[in-house]
Amino acid sequence: MPEFVLVFAVLSLALGGYWAMVIFPKQRAFQHKQKIVRALHVGDEVVTYGGIVGKIIDIDVAAGLSIIEIADGVRIKLLTAALQQVYDPQAIAESAARGSGSSRDQTSSSEEGEKI
C-alpha cells in the first residue's frame, strides 16, 4: 500500500509540473492572442502570420473571417485567427534590427575564432 501512495504522489507531481511548464503558458499565449484579435476594428492595418500587411475592410465575427485589402482593389478573405498583430512599422523595424544585430555578433566572433 505505501508503494501505491508513493507512485500516486510522484505521478501527481509530474502531471503538475507538466501543466505548469507546458499547458499553462500555452493557455496564456492563446488568451493573449484572443485579446489582440478581439481588439481589431475595421480600418486597422494588420500583419498576418504569413507576413502580409493590409487594412481590415470587414470582419465577420460569426464566421471567423476577415476581408483584408493588401493593395488598391486587391482584397483577400482570411481567417481572423490568422491576423497576428496591428501593423506598427517602428516596432517591426526595431525587431528586425535586433535580429540582424545578434546574428552579426555571432558571425564576427566565429570569424575571429577562425583567424586565431
C-alpha atoms as a PDB file:
ATOM      1  CA  MET A   1       0.000   0.000   0.000  1.00  0.00           C
ATOM      2  CA  PRO A   2       2.773   2.562   0.737  1.00  0.00           C
ATOM      3  CA  GLU A   3       4.167   1.943  -2.749  1.00  0.00           C
ATOM      4  CA  PHE A   4       0.808   2.929  -4.251  1.00  0.00           C
ATOM      5  CA  VAL A   5       0.817   6.212  -2.318  1.00  0.00           C
ATOM      6  CA  LEU A   6       4.384   6.932  -3.416  1.00  0.00           C
ATOM      7  CA  VAL A   7       3.594   6.216  -7.079  1.00  0.00           C
ATOM      8  CA  PHE A   8       0.465   8.391  -6.861  1.00  0.00           C
ATOM      9  CA  ALA A   9       2.465  11.256  -5.295  1.00  0.00           C
ATOM     10  CA  VAL A  10       5.205  11.076  -7.939  1.00  0.00           C
ATOM     11  CA  LEU A  11       2.647  10.895 -10.741  1.00  0.00           C
ATOM     12  CA  SER A  12       0.758  13.882  -9.295  1.00  0.00           C
ATOM     13  CA  LEU A  13       3.960  15.916  -9.086  1.00  0.00           C
ATOM     14  CA  ALA A  14       4.891  15.009 -12.663  1.00  0.00           C
ATOM     15  CA  LEU A  15       1.478  15.974 -14.004  1.00  0.00           C
ATOM     16  CA  GLY A  16       1.537  19.219 -12.017  1.00  0.00           C
ATOM     17  CA  GLY A  17       4.959  20.075 -13.393  1.00  0.00           C
ATOM     18  CA  TYR A  18       3.855  19.294 -16.941  1.00  0.00           C
ATOM     19  CA  TRP A  19       0.803  21.512 -16.543  1.00  0.00           C
ATOM     20  CA  ALA A  20       2.855  24.365 -15.066  1.00  0.00           C
ATOM     21  CA  MET A  21       5.581  24.225 -17.725  1.00  0.00           C
ATOM     22  CA  VAL A  22       3.623  23.305 -20.879  1.00  0.00           C
ATOM     23  CA  ILE A  23      -0.137  23.734 -20.705  1.00  0.00           C
ATOM     24  CA  PHE A  24      -0.392  26.911 -18.606  1.00  0.00           C
ATOM     25  CA  PRO A  25       1.967  29.005 -20.803  1.00  0.00           C
ATOM     26  CA  LYS A  26       0.107  27.856 -23.945  1.00  0.00           C
ATOM     27  CA  GLN A  27      -3.209  28.859 -22.369  1.00  0.00           C
ATOM     28  CA  ARG A  28      -1.833  32.309 -21.521  1.00  0.00           C
ATOM     29  CA  ALA A  29      -0.472  32.787 -25.050  1.00  0.00           C
ATOM     30  CA  PHE A  30      -3.837  31.749 -26.528  1.00  0.00           C
ATOM     31  CA  GLN A  31      -5.705  34.179 -24.267  1.00  0.00           C
ATOM     32  CA  HIS A  32      -3.299  36.978 -25.216  1.00  0.00           C
ATOM     33  CA  LYS A  33      -3.827  36.276 -28.932  1.00  0.00           C
ATOM     34  CA  GLN A  34      -7.608  36.243 -28.480  1.00  0.00           C
ATOM     35  CA  LYS A  35      -7.407  39.602 -26.709  1.00  0.00           C
ATOM     36  CA  ILE A  36      -5.451  41.080 -29.630  1.00  0.00           C
ATOM     37  CA  VAL A  37      -7.858  39.685 -32.239  1.00  0.00           C
ATOM     38  CA  ARG A  38     -10.927  40.935 -30.345  1.00  0.00           C
ATOM     39  CA  ALA A  39      -9.434  44.434 -30.216  1.00  0.00           C
ATOM     40  CA  LEU A  40      -9.156  44.679 -34.027  1.00  0.00           C
ATOM     41  CA  HIS A  41     -11.517  47.039 -35.817  1.00  0.00           C
ATOM     42  CA  VAL A  42     -12.383  47.842 -39.405  1.00  0.00           C
ATOM     43  CA  GLY A  43      -9.747  50.233 -40.764  1.00  0.00           C
ATOM     44  CA  ASP A  44      -6.829  48.869 -38.693  1.00  0.00           C
ATOM     45  CA  GLU A  45      -3.630  47.981 -40.533  1.00  0.00           C
ATOM     46  CA  VAL A  46      -2.598  44.465 -39.575  1.00  0.00           C
ATOM     47  CA  VAL A  47       0.101  41.875 -40.215  1.00  0.00           C
ATOM     48  CA  THR A  48      -0.910  38.274 -40.924  1.00  0.00           C
ATOM     49  CA  TYR A  49       1.052  35.229 -39.799  1.00  0.00           C
ATOM     50  CA  GLY A  50       2.246  34.975 -43.394  1.00  0.00           C
ATOM     51  CA  GLY A  51       3.782  38.449 -43.161  1.00  0.00           C
ATOM     52  CA  ILE A  52       1.234  40.190 -45.387  1.00  0.00           C
ATOM     53  CA  VAL A  53       0.410  43.751 -44.367  1.00  0.00           C
ATOM     54  CA  GLY A  54      -3.071  45.031 -45.136  1.00  0.00           C
ATOM     55  CA  LYS A  55      -6.036  47.049 -43.960  1.00  0.00           C
ATOM     56  CA  ILE A  56      -9.144  45.426 -42.462  1.00  0.00           C
ATOM     57  CA  ILE A  57     -12.167  46.096 -44.661  1.00  0.00           C
ATOM     58  CA  ASP A  58     -14.701  43.821 -42.939  1.00  0.00           C
ATOM     59  CA  ILE A  59     -14.826  41.370 -40.039  1.00  0.00           C
ATOM     60  CA  ASP A  60     -17.425  38.588 -39.915  1.00  0.00           C
ATOM     61  CA  VAL A  61     -17.311  37.536 -36.261  1.00  0.00           C
ATOM     62  CA  ALA A  62     -19.828  34.687 -36.654  1.00  0.00           C
ATOM     63  CA  ALA A  63     -17.842  33.035 -39.465  1.00  0.00           C
ATOM     64  CA  GLY A  64     -14.414  33.961 -38.081  1.00  0.00           C
ATOM     65  CA  LEU A  65     -13.389  35.579 -41.377  1.00  0.00           C
ATOM     66  CA  SER A  66     -11.878  38.943 -42.248  1.00  0.00           C
ATOM     67  CA  ILE A  67     -11.522  40.749 -45.539  1.00  0.00           C
ATOM     68  CA  ILE A  68      -8.155  42.472 -45.863  1.00  0.00           C
ATOM     69  CA  GLU A  69      -7.133  44.928 -48.570  1.00  0.00           C
ATOM     70  CA  ILE A  70      -3.439  44.372 -49.354  1.00  0.00           C
ATOM     71  CA  ALA A  71      -3.251  46.810 -52.307  1.00  0.00           C
ATOM     72  CA  ASP A  72      -5.639  49.157 -54.067  1.00  0.00           C
ATOM     73  CA  GLY A  73      -8.531  46.974 -55.189  1.00  0.00           C
ATOM     74  CA  VAL A  74      -6.869  43.728 -54.060  1.00  0.00           C
ATOM     75  CA  ARG A  75      -8.846  42.111 -51.257  1.00  0.00           C
ATOM     76  CA  ILE A  76      -8.298  38.746 -49.648  1.00  0.00           C
ATOM     77  CA  LYS A  77     -10.516  36.753 -47.329  1.00  0.00           C
ATOM     78  CA  LEU A  78      -8.764  35.002 -44.480  1.00  0.00           C
ATOM     79  CA  LEU A  79      -9.377  33.585 -41.052  1.00  0.00           C
ATOM     80  CA  THR A  80      -9.449  36.220 -38.337  1.00  0.00           C
ATOM     81  CA  ALA A  81      -7.201  33.902 -36.299  1.00  0.00           C
ATOM     82  CA  ALA A  82      -4.513  34.379 -38.981  1.00  0.00           C
ATOM     83  CA  LEU A  83      -4.143  38.044 -38.044  1.00  0.00           C
ATOM     84  CA  GLN A  84      -1.048  38.383 -35.910  1.00  0.00           C
ATOM     85  CA  GLN A  85      -0.855  41.992 -34.767  1.00  0.00           C
ATOM     86  CA  VAL A  86      -1.628  45.583 -35.576  1.00  0.00           C
ATOM     87  CA  TYR A  87       0.947  46.920 -38.029  1.00  0.00           C
ATOM     88  CA  ASP A  88       3.497  49.163 -36.295  1.00  0.00           C
ATOM     89  CA  PRO A  89       6.375  49.924 -38.706  1.00  0.00           C
ATOM     90  CA  GLN A  90       8.644  51.253 -35.963  1.00  0.00           C
ATOM     91  CA  ALA A  91       8.263  48.163 -33.740  1.00  0.00           C
ATOM     92  CA  ILE A  92       8.874  45.844 -36.697  1.00  0.00           C
ATOM     93  CA  ALA A  93      11.991  47.816 -37.712  1.00  0.00           C
ATOM     94  CA  GLU A  94      13.350  47.632 -34.152  1.00  0.00           C
ATOM     95  CA  SER A  95      12.700  43.890 -34.038  1.00  0.00           C
ATOM     96  CA  ALA A  96      14.484  43.403 -37.370  1.00  0.00           C
ATOM     97  CA  ALA A  97      17.444  45.480 -36.168  1.00  0.00           C
ATOM     98  CA  ARG A  98      17.743  43.382 -33.006  1.00  0.00           C
ATOM     99  CA  GLY A  99      17.597  40.183 -35.050  1.00  0.00           C
ATOM    100  CA  SER A 100      20.250  41.264 -37.525  1.00  0.00           C
ATOM    101  CA  GLY A 101      22.442  42.696 -34.769  1.00  0.00           C
ATOM    102  CA  SER A 102      22.585  39.434 -32.847  1.00  0.00           C
ATOM    103  CA  SER A 103      23.435  37.392 -35.937  1.00  0.00           C
ATOM    104  CA  ARG A 104      26.194  39.854 -36.858  1.00  0.00           C
ATOM    105  CA  ASP A 105      27.739  39.469 -33.398  1.00  0.00           C
ATOM    106  CA  GLN A 106      27.767  35.682 -33.744  1.00  0.00           C
ATOM    107  CA  THR A 107      29.394  35.711 -37.195  1.00  0.00           C
ATOM    108  CA  SER A 108      32.060  38.226 -36.181  1.00  0.00           C
ATOM    109  CA  SER A 109      33.006  36.183 -33.111  1.00  0.00           C
ATOM    110  CA  SER A 110      33.156  32.955 -35.137  1.00  0.00           C
ATOM    111  CA  GLU A 111      35.297  34.652 -37.810  1.00  0.00           C
ATOM    112  CA  GLU A 112      37.703  35.903 -35.138  1.00  0.00           C
ATOM    113  CA  GLY A 113      37.923  32.372 -33.750  1.00  0.00           C
ATOM    114  CA  GLU A 114      38.887  31.024 -37.165  1.00  0.00           C
ATOM    115  CA  LYS A 115      41.630  33.630 -37.650  1.00  0.00           C
ATOM    116  CA  ILE A 116      43.374  32.738 -34.399  1.00  0.00           C
END
